[in-house]
Amino acid sequence: MSISQQEFNNFKKLIQEKSAIVLDPGKEYLIENRLTPLAKEVGLDSLTELFQKIKSNTELLAKVVDAITTNETLFFRDQHPFETLKKIILPNLIKAREDKKELNIWSSACSAGQEAYSIAIILKENFPQLSNWKVKILCTDISHAMLERVKSGVFSQLEVNRGMPVTLLVKYFRQKGTDWVVSDALKEMLEVRYLNLAAVWPALCQMDLIFLRNVLIYFDLKAKEEILQKIQKNLCPDGCLFLGSTESMLTVNSSFKAVKYDRTVIYTK
């Protein structure tokens, strides 16, 4: 199904209203490629029909947002932030939380869960003292399909080949046919919840670590400002925020301070 300029403008406006995701001119192909299969799946002959139908069908609207959302990620993405997490950030936080024995980590826009499971493996591999702690990794995303994948913990051979060392793969996954399934020990560390970063947030506990990596690039300035204001409220006074390697917030929110460790930049209040 080809997409007209009017159809593109209609979907662009609706998607920005519902998710704050900005589709720049030139992204017509993205809507055409991702929504055409959905339109055919529900028996529609055009993207205009799909647009009309989602106005009164919230379930179909959610599928449209799912289809448009970019879910590109991999295990231990960029590597160096996870090295900094292991060698500096977590040791400092664990020392500061010795009395409380509780650690709360948030993987926002978690996609299929590669980031959250990477964090869980670092905790299991390097910090045995946490065995009697209350440790929770909150996984949130706007995509219901991705959240179901996080819960299942099932990854293809191609997905585990992207970043997962073989030694950790055989230790924390079991093979099922051509797929790999995460161990229950890692799954138990995760709490999976729906959250639209651009909408009203549910009540969250104060977070020691927040991962918001490679997410802000999809939002306009106003949405970025609002999201970072809410992040600030939900981050512990001595907590840390991780952004993507190409992202910066200093021109968006001056309430955070950038701290550089080798190749990794983190943000504190």
Foldseek 3Di string as FASTA:
>chain_A
DQDDPVLVVLVQVVLCVVFQFHDDPVCSVLLVVQCVVVCVVVPHDDSVVLSVVCVPPVVSVLVSNQSNDDQDDAACPPVVVVVCCLPPQVVVVCVVCVVVLEAEEEEEQCFLPRHLLNNLLSCVVRPPVSPPGHAAYEYEHSHPVSLVNNLFQKAAPVRCVGHPDPVVQVVAWDDDPRIIHGHVSSSVRYDYDYDRLQDDGDDDAAHQEYEPEPPCVRHDLVSVLVSVVVNQVRYPQNHKYFYYLPDDCCVRDVPWDWDDDPSGIIIHD
